[in-house]
Every structure is written in C-alpha cells, then in structure tokens.
Amino acid sequence: MRREGLMRRSERWRAPVAALPLQALYTVPELARAASLSRGRLLRLFEKLGICMMKSGTFWLVPLSELEKKAWPFWESVQAAEMLRRRHGGEE
C-alpha cells in the first residue's frame, strides 16, 4: 500500500535532476530548472507529494528537509553535488 505524499525509490523519475548546491531553502524555479519541469508542473507534483512550501514575497521556498523526506530525486542531487564539491577540495 502506498503512503500518500512520499515517493518510493522504485518509482521512475522522468529525468535526472541536475546537481543542486547544498542550501537550507530552494526556490521553486530553481528546482524546476534542475528537474527540467515547468514551475506549474513542479508545484502540482509537490502538492501531490505533500511537500510543505513557504511563501516569501513572490517566491515559493522549499526546505531541504522536505526534499529529503518526500522527493528523493532532489535530495540525491544535493548529496551528489556536495560529494563532488568535497572531493574536489571545495570544503571550507
């Protein structure tokens, strides 16, 4: 039985998500570009997954914790980018 609002790892994702930098909050347009989706389509997907977003002025913001819990392709993208950054001496 599928739990509402969570993507199972076995679910096929449309396309790979481009590498995202590690940050606490992401804008919806930033995530949409990384996933090669329109903002509207991504908003509908996030709504279906039950991802909590915050509005700041005209921007919808998505916390990293929500991506980690509910949208694994984005979380894996962040992890991969961070691993590459550390591997190539980008640690401060």
PDB file of N, CA and C in Angstrom:
ATOM      1  N   MET A   1       0.844  -1.187   0.000  1.00  0.00           N
ATOM      2  CA  MET A   1       0.000   0.000   0.000  1.00  0.00           C
ATOM      3  C   MET A   1       0.888   1.250   0.000  1.00  0.00           C
ATOM      4  N   ARG A   2       0.600   2.188  -0.838  1.00  0.00           N
ATOM      5  CA  ARG A   2       1.403   3.400  -0.979  1.00  0.00           C
ATOM      6  C   ARG A   2       1.001   4.437   0.063  1.00  0.00           C
ATOM      7  N   ARG A   3       2.003   4.983   0.736  1.00  0.00           N
ATOM      8  CA  ARG A   3       1.749   6.068   1.680  1.00  0.00           C
ATOM      9  C   ARG A   3       1.657   7.363   0.902  1.00  0.00           C
ATOM     10  N   GLU A   4       0.595   8.090   1.125  1.00  0.00           N
ATOM     11  CA  GLU A   4       0.372   9.344   0.408  1.00  0.00           C
ATOM     12  C   GLU A   4       1.462  10.352   0.730  1.00  0.00           C
ATOM     13  N   GLY A   5       1.944  11.032  -0.289  1.00  0.00           N
ATOM     14  CA  GLY A   5       2.880  12.117  -0.091  1.00  0.00           C
ATOM     15  C   GLY A   5       4.346  11.731  -0.114  1.00  0.00           C
ATOM     16  N   LEU A   6       4.661  10.467  -0.325  1.00  0.00           N
ATOM     17  CA  LEU A   6       6.064  10.066  -0.371  1.00  0.00           C
ATOM     18  C   LEU A   6       6.344   9.370  -1.690  1.00  0.00           C
ATOM     19  N   MET A   7       7.492   9.674  -2.259  1.00  0.00           N
ATOM     20  CA  MET A   7       7.913   8.989  -3.481  1.00  0.00           C
ATOM     21  C   MET A   7       8.687   7.751  -3.068  1.00  0.00           C
ATOM     22  N   ARG A   8       8.283   6.615  -3.578  1.00  0.00           N
ATOM     23  CA  ARG A   8       9.056   5.410  -3.326  1.00  0.00           C
ATOM     24  C   ARG A   8      10.278   5.435  -4.233  1.00  0.00           C
ATOM     25  N   ARG A   9      11.361   4.884  -3.753  1.00  0.00           N
ATOM     26  CA  ARG A   9      12.590   4.866  -4.546  1.00  0.00           C
ATOM     27  C   ARG A   9      12.422   4.047  -5.816  1.00  0.00           C
ATOM     28  N   SER A  10      11.482   3.125  -5.827  1.00  0.00           N
ATOM     29  CA  SER A  10      11.286   2.306  -7.018  1.00  0.00           C
ATOM     30  C   SER A  10      10.510   3.041  -8.112  1.00  0.00           C
ATOM     31  N   GLU A  11       9.916   4.170  -7.750  1.00  0.00           N
ATOM     32  CA  GLU A  11       9.160   4.933  -8.749  1.00  0.00           C
ATOM     33  C   GLU A  11      10.112   5.529  -9.775  1.00  0.00           C
ATOM     34  N   ARG A  12       9.711   5.469 -11.020  1.00  0.00           N
ATOM     35  CA  ARG A  12      10.544   6.037 -12.087  1.00  0.00           C
ATOM     36  C   ARG A  12      10.399   7.540 -12.068  1.00  0.00           C
ATOM     37  N   TRP A  13      11.507   8.214 -12.175  1.00  0.00           N
ATOM     38  CA  TRP A  13      11.519   9.675 -12.262  1.00  0.00           C
ATOM     39  C   TRP A  13      11.706  10.038 -13.714  1.00  0.00           C
ATOM     40  N   ARG A  14      11.058  11.049 -14.174  1.00  0.00           N
ATOM     41  CA  ARG A  14      11.034  11.459 -15.568  1.00  0.00           C
ATOM     42  C   ARG A  14      12.426  11.617 -16.168  1.00  0.00           C
ATOM     43  N   ALA A  15      13.306  12.299 -15.467  1.00  0.00           N
ATOM     44  CA  ALA A  15      14.659  12.566 -15.967  1.00  0.00           C
ATOM     45  C   ALA A  15      15.557  12.834 -14.771  1.00  0.00           C
ATOM     46  N   PRO A  16      16.856  12.712 -14.951  1.00  0.00           N
ATOM     47  CA  PRO A  16      17.753  13.022 -13.832  1.00  0.00           C
ATOM     48  C   PRO A  16      17.627  14.490 -13.427  1.00  0.00           C
ATOM     49  N   VAL A  17      17.797  14.730 -12.151  1.00  0.00           N
ATOM     50  CA  VAL A  17      17.752  16.096 -11.635  1.00  0.00           C
ATOM     51  C   VAL A  17      19.177  16.637 -11.649  1.00  0.00           C
ATOM     52  N   ALA A  18      19.346  17.835 -12.203  1.00  0.00           N
ATOM     53  CA  ALA A  18      20.670  18.469 -12.263  1.00  0.00           C
ATOM     54  C   ALA A  18      21.186  18.726 -10.853  1.00  0.00           C
ATOM     55  N   ALA A  19      22.494  18.784 -10.716  1.00  0.00           N
ATOM     56  CA  ALA A  19      23.127  18.997  -9.415  1.00  0.00           C
ATOM     57  C   ALA A  19      22.647  20.301  -8.780  1.00  0.00           C
ATOM     58  N   LEU A  20      22.304  20.209  -7.515  1.00  0.00           N
ATOM     59  CA  LEU A  20      21.860  21.376  -6.755  1.00  0.00           C
ATOM     60  C   LEU A  20      22.857  21.638  -5.632  1.00  0.00           C
ATOM     61  N   PRO A  21      23.177  22.909  -5.359  1.00  0.00           N
ATOM     62  CA  PRO A  21      24.079  23.210  -4.251  1.00  0.00           C
ATOM     63  C   PRO A  21      23.378  22.945  -2.914  1.00  0.00           C
ATOM     64  N   LEU A  22      24.159  22.691  -1.887  1.00  0.00           N
ATOM     65  CA  LEU A  22      23.607  22.465  -0.556  1.00  0.00           C
ATOM     66  C   LEU A  22      23.185  23.806   0.029  1.00  0.00           C
ATOM     67  N   GLN A  23      21.914  23.935   0.328  1.00  0.00           N
ATOM     68  CA  GLN A  23      21.389  25.140   0.969  1.00  0.00           C
ATOM     69  C   GLN A  23      20.118  24.764   1.722  1.00  0.00           C
ATOM     70  N   ALA A  24      19.737  25.576   2.676  1.00  0.00           N
ATOM     71  CA  ALA A  24      18.582  25.274   3.527  1.00  0.00           C
ATOM     72  C   ALA A  24      17.258  25.397   2.771  1.00  0.00           C
ATOM     73  N   LEU A  25      17.160  26.367   1.876  1.00  0.00           N
ATOM     74  CA  LEU A  25      15.928  26.621   1.129  1.00  0.00           C
ATOM     75  C   LEU A  25      16.217  26.727  -0.357  1.00  0.00           C
ATOM     76  N   TYR A  26      15.290  26.258  -1.161  1.00  0.00           N
ATOM     77  CA  TYR A  26      15.384  26.355  -2.621  1.00  0.00           C
ATOM     78  C   TYR A  26      14.128  27.038  -3.135  1.00  0.00           C
ATOM     79  N   THR A  27      14.277  27.829  -4.196  1.00  0.00           N
ATOM     80  CA  THR A  27      13.097  28.424  -4.817  1.00  0.00           C
ATOM     81  C   THR A  27      12.500  27.399  -5.773  1.00  0.00           C
ATOM     82  N   VAL A  28      11.215  27.517  -6.015  1.00  0.00           N
ATOM     83  CA  VAL A  28      10.541  26.598  -6.945  1.00  0.00           C
ATOM     84  C   VAL A  28      11.130  26.720  -8.349  1.00  0.00           C
ATOM     85  N   PRO A  29      11.393  27.928  -8.869  1.00  0.00           N
ATOM     86  CA  PRO A  29      12.001  27.996 -10.204  1.00  0.00           C
ATOM     87  C   PRO A  29      13.366  27.302 -10.279  1.00  0.00           C
ATOM     88  N   GLU A  30      14.162  27.420  -9.224  1.00  0.00           N
ATOM     89  CA  GLU A  30      15.465  26.767  -9.179  1.00  0.00           C
ATOM     90  C   GLU A  30      15.312  25.240  -9.264  1.00  0.00           C
ATOM     91  N   LEU A  31      14.356  24.700  -8.509  1.00  0.00           N
ATOM     92  CA  LEU A  31      14.114  23.258  -8.531  1.00  0.00           C
ATOM     93  C   LEU A  31      13.505  22.818  -9.862  1.00  0.00           C
ATOM     94  N   ALA A  32      12.638  23.653 -10.426  1.00  0.00           N
ATOM     95  CA  ALA A  32      12.016  23.328 -11.714  1.00  0.00           C
ATOM     96  C   ALA A  32      13.077  23.244 -12.816  1.00  0.00           C
ATOM     97  N   ARG A  33      14.011  24.194 -12.827  1.00  0.00           N
ATOM     98  CA  ARG A  33      15.103  24.150 -13.817  1.00  0.00           C
ATOM     99  C   ARG A  33      15.935  22.883 -13.655  1.00  0.00           C
ATOM    100  N   ALA A  34      16.243  22.530 -12.415  1.00  0.00           N
ATOM    101  CA  ALA A  34      17.062  21.349 -12.158  1.00  0.00           C
ATOM    102  C   ALA A  34      16.369  20.071 -12.635  1.00  0.00           C
ATOM    103  N   ALA A  35      15.038  20.042 -12.574  1.00  0.00           N
ATOM    104  CA  ALA A  35      14.278  18.856 -12.970  1.00  0.00           C
ATOM    105  C   ALA A  35      13.755  18.937 -14.401  1.00  0.00           C
ATOM    106  N   SER A  36      14.049  20.023 -15.091  1.00  0.00           N
ATOM    107  CA  SER A  36      13.541  20.247 -16.460  1.00  0.00           C
ATOM    108  C   SER A  36      12.019  20.157 -16.516  1.00  0.00           C
ATOM    109  N   LEU A  37      11.376  20.801 -15.551  1.00  0.00           N
ATOM    110  CA  LEU A  37       9.913  20.860 -15.481  1.00  0.00           C
ATOM    111  C   LEU A  37       9.478  22.319 -15.439  1.00  0.00           C
ATOM    112  N   SER A  38       8.235  22.573 -15.818  1.00  0.00           N
ATOM    113  CA  SER A  38       7.703  23.926 -15.661  1.00  0.00           C
ATOM    114  C   SER A  38       7.424  24.157 -14.177  1.00  0.00           C
ATOM    115  N   ARG A  39       7.385  25.419 -13.779  1.00  0.00           N
ATOM    116  CA  ARG A  39       7.090  25.726 -12.370  1.00  0.00           C
ATOM    117  C   ARG A  39       5.738  25.180 -11.969  1.00  0.00           C
ATOM    118  N   GLY A  40       4.744  25.346 -12.838  1.00  0.00           N
ATOM    119  CA  GLY A  40       3.396  24.866 -12.532  1.00  0.00           C
ATOM    120  C   GLY A  40       3.340  23.361 -12.337  1.00  0.00           C
ATOM    121  N   ARG A  41       4.024  22.651 -13.215  1.00  0.00           N
ATOM    122  CA  ARG A  41       4.037  21.188 -13.108  1.00  0.00           C
ATOM    123  C   ARG A  41       4.731  20.761 -11.807  1.00  0.00           C
ATOM    124  N   LEU A  42       5.843  21.427 -11.470  1.00  0.00           N
ATOM    125  CA  LEU A  42       6.554  21.092 -10.243  1.00  0.00           C
ATOM    126  C   LEU A  42       5.694  21.415  -9.014  1.00  0.00           C
ATOM    127  N   LEU A  43       4.997  22.551  -9.031  1.00  0.00           N
ATOM    128  CA  LEU A  43       4.112  22.893  -7.912  1.00  0.00           C
ATOM    129  C   LEU A  43       3.024  21.839  -7.734  1.00  0.00           C
ATOM    130  N   ARG A  44       2.441  21.367  -8.840  1.00  0.00           N
ATOM    131  CA  ARG A  44       1.416  20.318  -8.749  1.00  0.00           C
ATOM    132  C   ARG A  44       2.001  19.022  -8.194  1.00  0.00           C
ATOM    133  N   LEU A  45       3.202  18.677  -8.638  1.00  0.00           N
ATOM    134  CA  LEU A  45       3.867  17.475  -8.139  1.00  0.00           C
ATOM    135  C   LEU A  45       4.130  17.597  -6.637  1.00  0.00           C
ATOM    136  N   PHE A  46       4.652  18.732  -6.218  1.00  0.00           N
ATOM    137  CA  PHE A  46       4.944  18.933  -4.803  1.00  0.00           C
ATOM    138  C   PHE A  46       3.659  18.913  -3.978  1.00  0.00           C
ATOM    139  N   GLU A  47       2.588  19.473  -4.509  1.00  0.00           N
ATOM    140  CA  GLU A  47       1.305  19.444  -3.806  1.00  0.00           C
ATOM    141  C   GLU A  47       0.831  17.997  -3.637  1.00  0.00           C
ATOM    142  N   LYS A  48       0.960  17.213  -4.687  1.00  0.00           N
ATOM    143  CA  LYS A  48       0.552  15.806  -4.646  1.00  0.00           C
ATOM    144  C   LYS A  48       1.390  15.025  -3.634  1.00  0.00           C
ATOM    145  N   LEU A  49       2.679  15.353  -3.541  1.00  0.00           N
ATOM    146  CA  LEU A  49       3.573  14.673  -2.606  1.00  0.00           C
ATOM    147  C   LEU A  49       3.434  15.180  -1.176  1.00  0.00           C
ATOM    148  N   GLY A  50       2.695  16.277  -0.996  1.00  0.00           N
ATOM    149  CA  GLY A  50       2.504  16.829   0.340  1.00  0.00           C
ATOM    150  C   GLY A  50       3.705  17.599   0.846  1.00  0.00           C
ATOM    151  N   ILE A  51       4.481  18.161  -0.065  1.00  0.00           N
ATOM    152  CA  ILE A  51       5.663  18.926   0.326  1.00  0.00           C
ATOM    153  C   ILE A  51       5.222  20.303   0.825  1.00  0.00           C
ATOM    154  N   CYS A  52       5.675  20.643   2.029  1.00  0.00           N
ATOM    155  CA  CYS A  52       5.336  21.936   2.624  1.00  0.00           C
ATOM    156  C   CYS A  52       6.253  23.004   2.039  1.00  0.00           C
ATOM    157  N   MET A  53       5.640  24.058   1.522  1.00  0.00           N
ATOM    158  CA  MET A  53       6.395  25.168   0.955  1.00  0.00           C
ATOM    159  C   MET A  53       6.055  26.436   1.723  1.00  0.00           C
ATOM    160  N   MET A  54       6.960  27.408   1.675  1.00  0.00           N
ATOM    161  CA  MET A  54       6.740  28.688   2.332  1.00  0.00           C
ATOM    162  C   MET A  54       6.741  29.776   1.275  1.00  0.00           C
ATOM    163  N   LYS A  55       5.924  30.773   1.488  1.00  0.00           N
ATOM    164  CA  LYS A  55       5.892  31.900   0.555  1.00  0.00           C
ATOM    165  C   LYS A  55       6.582  33.089   1.204  1.00  0.00           C
ATOM    166  N   SER A  56       7.514  33.661   0.459  1.00  0.00           N
ATOM    167  CA  SER A  56       8.218  34.851   0.913  1.00  0.00           C
ATOM    168  C   SER A  56       8.116  35.872  -0.210  1.00  0.00           C
ATOM    169  N   GLY A  57       7.268  36.864  -0.028  1.00  0.00           N
ATOM    170  CA  GLY A  57       7.025  37.827  -1.107  1.00  0.00           C
ATOM    171  C   GLY A  57       6.416  37.115  -2.292  1.00  0.00           C
ATOM    172  N   THR A  58       7.124  37.115  -3.413  1.00  0.00           N
ATOM    173  CA  THR A  58       6.604  36.447  -4.604  1.00  0.00           C
ATOM    174  C   THR A  58       7.216  35.060  -4.812  1.00  0.00           C
ATOM    175  N   PHE A  59       8.109  34.652  -3.904  1.00  0.00           N
ATOM    176  CA  PHE A  59       8.804  33.379  -4.064  1.00  0.00           C
ATOM    177  C   PHE A  59       8.201  32.270  -3.219  1.00  0.00           C
ATOM    178  N   TRP A  60       8.069  31.089  -3.806  1.00  0.00           N
ATOM    179  CA  TRP A  60       7.756  29.879  -3.058  1.00  0.00           C
ATOM    180  C   TRP A  60       9.084  29.232  -2.731  1.00  0.00           C
ATOM    181  N   LEU A  61       9.291  28.916  -1.456  1.00  0.00           N
ATOM    182  CA  LEU A  61      10.534  28.312  -0.985  1.00  0.00           C
ATOM    183  C   LEU A  61      10.269  26.900  -0.485  1.00  0.00           C
ATOM    184  N   VAL A  62      11.207  26.015  -0.754  1.00  0.00           N
ATOM    185  CA  VAL A  62      11.078  24.619  -0.352  1.00  0.00           C
ATOM    186  C   VAL A  62      12.269  24.282   0.550  1.00  0.00           C
ATOM    187  N   PRO A  63      11.991  23.837   1.790  1.00  0.00           N
ATOM    188  CA  PRO A  63      13.089  23.480   2.692  1.00  0.00           C
ATOM    189  C   PRO A  63      13.789  22.185   2.241  1.00  0.00           C
ATOM    190  N   LEU A  64      15.086  22.121   2.471  1.00  0.00           N
ATOM    191  CA  LEU A  64      15.862  20.936   2.150  1.00  0.00           C
ATOM    192  C   LEU A  64      15.284  19.702   2.847  1.00  0.00           C
ATOM    193  N   SER A  65      14.821  19.857   4.073  1.00  0.00           N
ATOM    194  CA  SER A  65      14.279  18.723   4.830  1.00  0.00           C
ATOM    195  C   SER A  65      13.075  18.096   4.132  1.00  0.00           C
ATOM    196  N   GLU A  66      12.265  18.911   3.458  1.00  0.00           N
ATOM    197  CA  GLU A  66      11.115  18.379   2.727  1.00  0.00           C
ATOM    198  C   GLU A  66      11.565  17.563   1.520  1.00  0.00           C
ATOM    199  N   LEU A  67      12.609  18.022   0.848  1.00  0.00           N
ATOM    200  CA  LEU A  67      13.135  17.270  -0.286  1.00  0.00           C
ATOM    201  C   LEU A  67      13.707  15.941   0.197  1.00  0.00           C
ATOM    202  N   GLU A  68      14.388  15.973   1.320  1.00  0.00           N
ATOM    203  CA  GLU A  68      14.987  14.751   1.867  1.00  0.00           C
ATOM    204  C   GLU A  68      13.913  13.721   2.200  1.00  0.00           C
ATOM    205  N   LYS A  69      12.828  14.162   2.804  1.00  0.00           N
ATOM    206  CA  LYS A  69      11.780  13.242   3.240  1.00  0.00           C
ATOM    207  C   LYS A  69      10.860  12.782   2.114  1.00  0.00           C
ATOM    208  N   LYS A  70      10.558  13.676   1.166  1.00  0.00           N
ATOM    209  CA  LYS A  70       9.448  13.396   0.258  1.00  0.00           C
ATOM    210  C   LYS A  70       9.779  13.395  -1.225  1.00  0.00           C
ATOM    211  N   ALA A  71      10.915  13.920  -1.625  1.00  0.00           N
ATOM    212  CA  ALA A  71      11.243  13.993  -3.058  1.00  0.00           C
ATOM    213  C   ALA A  71      12.683  13.539  -3.265  1.00  0.00           C
ATOM    214  N   TRP A  72      12.907  12.246  -3.188  1.00  0.00           N
ATOM    215  CA  TRP A  72      14.266  11.696  -3.218  1.00  0.00           C
ATOM    216  C   TRP A  72      15.109  12.087  -4.417  1.00  0.00           C
ATOM    217  N   PRO A  73      14.586  12.290  -5.628  1.00  0.00           N
ATOM    218  CA  PRO A  73      15.497  12.684  -6.722  1.00  0.00           C
ATOM    219  C   PRO A  73      16.212  14.011  -6.453  1.00  0.00           C
ATOM    220  N   PHE A  74      15.518  14.947  -5.824  1.00  0.00           N
ATOM    221  CA  PHE A  74      16.139  16.231  -5.490  1.00  0.00           C
ATOM    222  C   PHE A  74      17.172  16.045  -4.382  1.00  0.00           C
ATOM    223  N   TRP A  75      16.834  15.260  -3.376  1.00  0.00           N
ATOM    224  CA  TRP A  75      17.750  15.015  -2.270  1.00  0.00           C
ATOM    225  C   TRP A  75      19.028  14.340  -2.774  1.00  0.00           C
ATOM    226  N   GLU A  76      18.890  13.346  -3.636  1.00  0.00           N
ATOM    227  CA  GLU A  76      20.063  12.666  -4.180  1.00  0.00           C
ATOM    228  C   GLU A  76      20.925  13.613  -5.016  1.00  0.00           C
ATOM    229  N   SER A  77      20.291  14.550  -5.692  1.00  0.00           N
ATOM    230  CA  SER A  77      21.022  15.540  -6.477  1.00  0.00           C
ATOM    231  C   SER A  77      21.879  16.430  -5.568  1.00  0.00           C
ATOM    232  N   VAL A  78      21.317  16.841  -4.452  1.00  0.00           N
ATOM    233  CA  VAL A  78      22.044  17.669  -3.493  1.00  0.00           C
ATOM    234  C   VAL A  78      23.220  16.873  -2.916  1.00  0.00           C
ATOM    235  N   GLN A  79      22.958  15.623  -2.551  1.00  0.00           N
ATOM    236  CA  GLN A  79      24.022  14.783  -1.997  1.00  0.00           C
ATOM    237  C   GLN A  79      25.164  14.590  -2.996  1.00  0.00           C
ATOM    238  N   ALA A  80      24.827  14.334  -4.243  1.00  0.00           N
ATOM    239  CA  ALA A  80      25.849  14.116  -5.272  1.00  0.00           C
ATOM    240  C   ALA A  80      26.689  15.376  -5.487  1.00  0.00           C
ATOM    241  N   ALA A  81      26.040  16.526  -5.547  1.00  0.00           N
ATOM    242  CA  ALA A  81      26.764  17.780  -5.755  1.00  0.00           C
ATOM    243  C   ALA A  81      27.683  18.070  -4.578  1.00  0.00           C
ATOM    244  N   GLU A  82      27.218  17.805  -3.369  1.00  0.00           N
ATOM    245  CA  GLU A  82      28.027  18.050  -2.179  1.00  0.00           C
ATOM    246  C   GLU A  82      29.220  17.092  -2.135  1.00  0.00           C
ATOM    247  N   MET A  83      29.004  15.844  -2.526  1.00  0.00           N
ATOM    248  CA  MET A  83      30.095  14.878  -2.546  1.00  0.00           C
ATOM    249  C   MET A  83      31.173  15.307  -3.547  1.00  0.00           C
ATOM    250  N   LEU A  84      30.761  15.779  -4.714  1.00  0.00           N
ATOM    251  CA  LEU A  84      31.721  16.256  -5.713  1.00  0.00           C
ATOM    252  C   LEU A  84      32.487  17.484  -5.226  1.00  0.00           C
ATOM    253  N   ARG A  85      31.767  18.385  -4.585  1.00  0.00           N
ATOM    254  CA  ARG A  85      32.400  19.594  -4.058  1.00  0.00           C
ATOM    255  C   ARG A  85      33.490  19.223  -3.047  1.00  0.00           C
ATOM    256  N   ARG A  86      33.178  18.298  -2.166  1.00  0.00           N
ATOM    257  CA  ARG A  86      34.158  17.884  -1.152  1.00  0.00           C
ATOM    258  C   ARG A  86      35.325  17.144  -1.774  1.00  0.00           C
ATOM    259  N   ARG A  87      35.033  16.329  -2.761  1.00  0.00           N
ATOM    260  CA  ARG A  87      36.075  15.549  -3.425  1.00  0.00           C
ATOM    261  C   ARG A  87      37.076  16.446  -4.146  1.00  0.00           C
ATOM    262  N   HIS A  88      36.602  17.585  -4.655  1.00  0.00           N
ATOM    263  CA  HIS A  88      37.477  18.470  -5.429  1.00  0.00           C
ATOM    264  C   HIS A  88      38.001  19.634  -4.594  1.00  0.00           C
ATOM    265  N   GLY A  89      38.029  19.437  -3.279  1.00  0.00           N
ATOM    266  CA  GLY A  89      38.652  20.435  -2.403  1.00  0.00           C
ATOM    267  C   GLY A  89      37.857  21.680  -2.179  1.00  0.00           C
ATOM    268  N   GLY A  90      36.536  21.635  -2.331  1.00  0.00           N
ATOM    269  CA  GLY A  90      35.713  22.825  -2.129  1.00  0.00           C
ATOM    270  C   GLY A  90      35.327  23.045  -0.686  1.00  0.00           C
ATOM    271  N   GLU A  91      35.813  22.204   0.252  1.00  0.00           N
ATOM    272  CA  GLU A  91      35.466  22.369   1.654  1.00  0.00           C
ATOM    273  C   GLU A  91      36.141  23.607   2.223  1.00  0.00           C
ATOM    274  N   GLU A  92      35.411  24.265   3.091  1.00  0.00           N
ATOM    275  CA  GLU A  92      35.962  25.490   3.696  1.00  0.00           C
ATOM    276  C   GLU A  92      36.376  25.210   5.112  1.00  0.00           C
TER     277      GLU A  92
END
